[in-house]
Amino acid sequence: MFLEDLFVREAFRGLKVGKGLMAAVASIAQREGCHALRWEVLAWNRAAVKWYESLGAEFLDDWRLAILKDEELRRLAESAP
């Protein structure tokens, strides 16, 4: 399962809100037969990286994030049959 966004407002950090949300998503993933939960985090966000590591997350350094947008996205879409 791919988790698109998870954001906990600063006022609620440290209250286990994030862990509760991640646990709920993990529960849904298990119930739906998913083999893994995947998300992305920016490398500069050291606090988030450390927190995800505390959950047992692995970082897949061999994978590269790719994005196609704007003019390139439009040009590719226009080439569709």
N, C-alpha and C. Protein backbone atom coordinates (compact mmCIF):
# COMPACT_ATOMS: atom_id res chain seq x y z
N MET A 1 0.86 -1.17 0.00
CA MET A 1 0.00 0.00 0.00
C MET A 1 0.90 1.22 0.00
N PHE A 2 0.55 2.22 -0.80
CA PHE A 2 1.31 3.46 -0.84
C PHE A 2 0.57 4.53 -0.04
N LEU A 3 1.26 5.10 0.92
CA LEU A 3 0.71 6.18 1.74
C LEU A 3 1.13 7.49 1.11
N GLU A 4 0.17 8.26 0.63
CA GLU A 4 0.48 9.50 -0.08
C GLU A 4 0.91 10.60 0.88
N ASP A 5 0.14 10.87 1.89
CA ASP A 5 0.47 11.96 2.83
C ASP A 5 0.06 11.59 4.24
N LEU A 6 0.93 11.95 5.16
CA LEU A 6 0.62 11.85 6.59
C LEU A 6 1.26 13.05 7.24
N PHE A 7 0.46 13.89 7.83
CA PHE A 7 0.98 15.10 8.45
C PHE A 7 0.30 15.30 9.78
N VAL A 8 1.09 15.51 10.80
CA VAL A 8 0.55 15.81 12.13
C VAL A 8 0.96 17.23 12.46
N ARG A 9 -0.01 18.06 12.76
CA ARG A 9 0.28 19.45 13.10
C ARG A 9 1.17 19.51 14.33
N GLU A 10 2.03 20.51 14.34
CA GLU A 10 3.03 20.63 15.39
C GLU A 10 2.44 20.56 16.79
N ALA A 11 1.28 21.15 17.00
CA ALA A 11 0.65 21.16 18.33
C ALA A 11 0.30 19.76 18.82
N PHE A 12 0.19 18.80 17.89
CA PHE A 12 -0.22 17.45 18.25
C PHE A 12 0.94 16.45 18.22
N ARG A 13 2.13 16.92 17.85
CA ARG A 13 3.28 16.02 17.82
C ARG A 13 3.70 15.67 19.23
N GLY A 14 4.21 14.46 19.39
CA GLY A 14 4.61 13.99 20.72
C GLY A 14 3.46 13.40 21.51
N LEU A 15 2.28 13.37 20.93
CA LEU A 15 1.09 12.84 21.62
C LEU A 15 0.68 11.48 21.07
N LYS A 16 1.53 10.89 20.26
CA LYS A 16 1.30 9.57 19.65
C LYS A 16 0.19 9.57 18.60
N VAL A 17 -0.15 10.76 18.10
CA VAL A 17 -1.15 10.87 17.03
C VAL A 17 -0.60 10.21 15.77
N GLY A 18 0.64 10.52 15.41
CA GLY A 18 1.25 9.94 14.22
C GLY A 18 1.32 8.43 14.29
N LYS A 19 1.71 7.91 15.45
CA LYS A 19 1.79 6.46 15.59
C LYS A 19 0.41 5.83 15.46
N GLY A 20 -0.60 6.48 16.01
CA GLY A 20 -1.96 5.97 15.89
C GLY A 20 -2.42 5.95 14.43
N LEU A 21 -2.10 7.00 13.70
CA LEU A 21 -2.46 7.05 12.28
C LEU A 21 -1.73 5.98 11.48
N MET A 22 -0.43 5.84 11.72
CA MET A 22 0.35 4.81 11.01
C MET A 22 -0.15 3.42 11.36
N ALA A 23 -0.49 3.20 12.62
CA ALA A 23 -1.01 1.90 13.04
C ALA A 23 -2.33 1.60 12.34
N ALA A 24 -3.18 2.61 12.20
CA ALA A 24 -4.46 2.42 11.53
C ALA A 24 -4.24 2.08 10.05
N VAL A 25 -3.31 2.78 9.40
CA VAL A 25 -3.01 2.49 7.99
C VAL A 25 -2.42 1.09 7.86
N ALA A 26 -1.53 0.71 8.78
CA ALA A 26 -0.94 -0.63 8.76
C ALA A 26 -2.02 -1.70 8.92
N SER A 27 -2.99 -1.42 9.76
CA SER A 27 -4.10 -2.36 9.98
C SER A 27 -4.92 -2.53 8.70
N ILE A 28 -5.19 -1.43 8.01
CA ILE A 28 -5.92 -1.50 6.74
C ILE A 28 -5.11 -2.28 5.72
N ALA A 29 -3.80 -2.01 5.65
CA ALA A 29 -2.95 -2.72 4.69
C ALA A 29 -2.98 -4.22 4.95
N GLN A 30 -2.89 -4.62 6.19
CA GLN A 30 -2.93 -6.05 6.52
C GLN A 30 -4.28 -6.65 6.15
N ARG A 31 -5.34 -5.95 6.49
CA ARG A 31 -6.69 -6.44 6.20
C ARG A 31 -6.91 -6.58 4.70
N GLU A 32 -6.32 -5.71 3.91
CA GLU A 32 -6.47 -5.73 2.45
C GLU A 32 -5.48 -6.68 1.77
N GLY A 33 -4.65 -7.36 2.54
CA GLY A 33 -3.73 -8.33 1.98
C GLY A 33 -2.46 -7.73 1.40
N CYS A 34 -2.14 -6.50 1.75
CA CYS A 34 -0.92 -5.86 1.27
C CYS A 34 0.29 -6.49 1.95
N HIS A 35 1.39 -6.54 1.23
CA HIS A 35 2.61 -7.13 1.77
C HIS A 35 3.53 -6.10 2.39
N ALA A 36 3.26 -4.82 2.12
CA ALA A 36 4.13 -3.76 2.65
C ALA A 36 3.37 -2.44 2.64
N LEU A 37 3.90 -1.50 3.37
CA LEU A 37 3.42 -0.12 3.38
C LEU A 37 4.58 0.74 2.92
N ARG A 38 4.34 1.59 1.93
CA ARG A 38 5.40 2.39 1.34
C ARG A 38 5.02 3.86 1.34
N TRP A 39 6.01 4.71 1.61
CA TRP A 39 5.82 6.15 1.56
C TRP A 39 7.16 6.80 1.29
N GLU A 40 7.15 8.09 1.11
CA GLU A 40 8.37 8.84 0.84
C GLU A 40 8.55 9.91 1.90
N VAL A 41 9.79 10.23 2.17
CA VAL A 41 10.11 11.31 3.11
C VAL A 41 11.35 12.02 2.59
N LEU A 42 11.36 13.33 2.69
CA LEU A 42 12.52 14.09 2.24
C LEU A 42 13.70 13.88 3.18
N ALA A 43 14.88 13.70 2.61
CA ALA A 43 16.08 13.39 3.40
C ALA A 43 16.39 14.46 4.43
N TRP A 44 16.08 15.72 4.13
CA TRP A 44 16.40 16.79 5.08
C TRP A 44 15.52 16.75 6.32
N ASN A 45 14.41 16.01 6.27
CA ASN A 45 13.49 15.93 7.40
C ASN A 45 13.99 14.86 8.38
N ARG A 46 15.10 15.16 9.02
CA ARG A 46 15.76 14.20 9.90
C ARG A 46 14.85 13.71 11.03
N ALA A 47 14.01 14.58 11.56
CA ALA A 47 13.12 14.16 12.65
C ALA A 47 12.16 13.07 12.16
N ALA A 48 11.61 13.26 10.97
CA ALA A 48 10.69 12.26 10.42
C ALA A 48 11.43 10.98 10.09
N VAL A 49 12.62 11.09 9.51
CA VAL A 49 13.42 9.90 9.18
C VAL A 49 13.69 9.11 10.45
N LYS A 50 14.11 9.79 11.49
CA LYS A 50 14.40 9.11 12.77
C LYS A 50 13.15 8.45 13.33
N TRP A 51 12.02 9.13 13.24
CA TRP A 51 10.77 8.57 13.76
C TRP A 51 10.36 7.33 12.96
N TYR A 52 10.46 7.40 11.63
CA TYR A 52 10.12 6.24 10.80
C TYR A 52 11.06 5.07 11.10
N GLU A 53 12.33 5.37 11.32
CA GLU A 53 13.27 4.31 11.69
C GLU A 53 12.88 3.68 13.02
N SER A 54 12.36 4.48 13.94
CA SER A 54 11.94 3.93 15.24
C SER A 54 10.76 2.97 15.09
N LEU A 55 10.00 3.12 14.01
CA LEU A 55 8.90 2.19 13.72
C LEU A 55 9.40 0.90 13.08
N GLY A 56 10.67 0.92 12.63
CA GLY A 56 11.23 -0.25 11.96
C GLY A 56 11.29 -0.11 10.46
N ALA A 57 11.03 1.10 9.94
CA ALA A 57 11.04 1.31 8.48
C ALA A 57 12.46 1.18 7.93
N GLU A 58 12.55 0.62 6.74
CA GLU A 58 13.80 0.53 5.98
C GLU A 58 13.78 1.63 4.93
N PHE A 59 14.94 2.19 4.65
CA PHE A 59 15.04 3.18 3.59
C PHE A 59 15.70 2.54 2.38
N LEU A 60 15.04 2.61 1.25
CA LEU A 60 15.47 1.94 0.03
C LEU A 60 16.31 2.91 -0.81
N ASP A 61 17.57 3.02 -0.46
CA ASP A 61 18.45 3.99 -1.10
C ASP A 61 18.69 3.72 -2.57
N ASP A 62 18.49 2.49 -3.02
CA ASP A 62 18.69 2.17 -4.43
C ASP A 62 17.55 2.66 -5.32
N TRP A 63 16.41 3.01 -4.73
CA TRP A 63 15.27 3.46 -5.51
C TRP A 63 15.37 4.96 -5.70
N ARG A 64 14.96 5.42 -6.87
CA ARG A 64 14.98 6.84 -7.18
C ARG A 64 13.56 7.32 -7.39
N LEU A 65 13.23 8.42 -6.82
CA LEU A 65 11.93 9.05 -7.00
C LEU A 65 11.90 9.72 -8.36
N ALA A 66 10.85 9.52 -9.11
CA ALA A 66 10.71 10.13 -10.43
C ALA A 66 9.41 10.92 -10.49
N ILE A 67 9.43 12.00 -11.24
CA ILE A 67 8.22 12.79 -11.43
C ILE A 67 8.19 13.30 -12.87
N LEU A 68 7.02 13.28 -13.43
CA LEU A 68 6.79 13.81 -14.78
C LEU A 68 5.68 14.83 -14.63
N LYS A 69 5.93 16.09 -14.99
CA LYS A 69 4.93 17.12 -14.75
C LYS A 69 4.99 18.19 -15.83
N ASP A 70 4.06 19.09 -15.73
CA ASP A 70 4.00 20.28 -16.56
C ASP A 70 4.07 19.94 -18.06
N GLU A 71 4.94 20.61 -18.78
CA GLU A 71 5.05 20.45 -20.23
C GLU A 71 5.38 19.02 -20.63
N GLU A 72 6.26 18.37 -19.88
CA GLU A 72 6.65 16.99 -20.21
C GLU A 72 5.47 16.04 -20.03
N LEU A 73 4.69 16.24 -19.00
CA LEU A 73 3.50 15.43 -18.77
C LEU A 73 2.50 15.63 -19.92
N ARG A 74 2.26 16.90 -20.27
CA ARG A 74 1.34 17.21 -21.36
C ARG A 74 1.81 16.58 -22.67
N ARG A 75 3.10 16.70 -22.96
CA ARG A 75 3.63 16.17 -24.22
C ARG A 75 3.47 14.65 -24.27
N LEU A 76 3.75 13.97 -23.18
CA LEU A 76 3.60 12.51 -23.16
C LEU A 76 2.13 12.14 -23.31
N ALA A 77 1.25 12.86 -22.60
CA ALA A 77 -0.19 12.57 -22.70
C ALA A 77 -0.69 12.74 -24.12
N GLU A 78 -0.20 13.74 -24.79
CA GLU A 78 -0.64 13.99 -26.18
C GLU A 78 -0.15 12.89 -27.15
N SER A 79 0.85 12.14 -26.77
CA SER A 79 1.35 11.09 -27.65
C SER A 79 0.57 9.78 -27.49
N ALA A 80 -0.39 9.77 -26.57
CA ALA A 80 -1.19 8.55 -26.37
C ALA A 80 -2.03 8.26 -27.60
N PRO A 81 -2.21 6.99 -27.92
CA PRO A 81 -3.03 6.63 -29.10
C PRO A 81 -4.49 6.99 -28.90
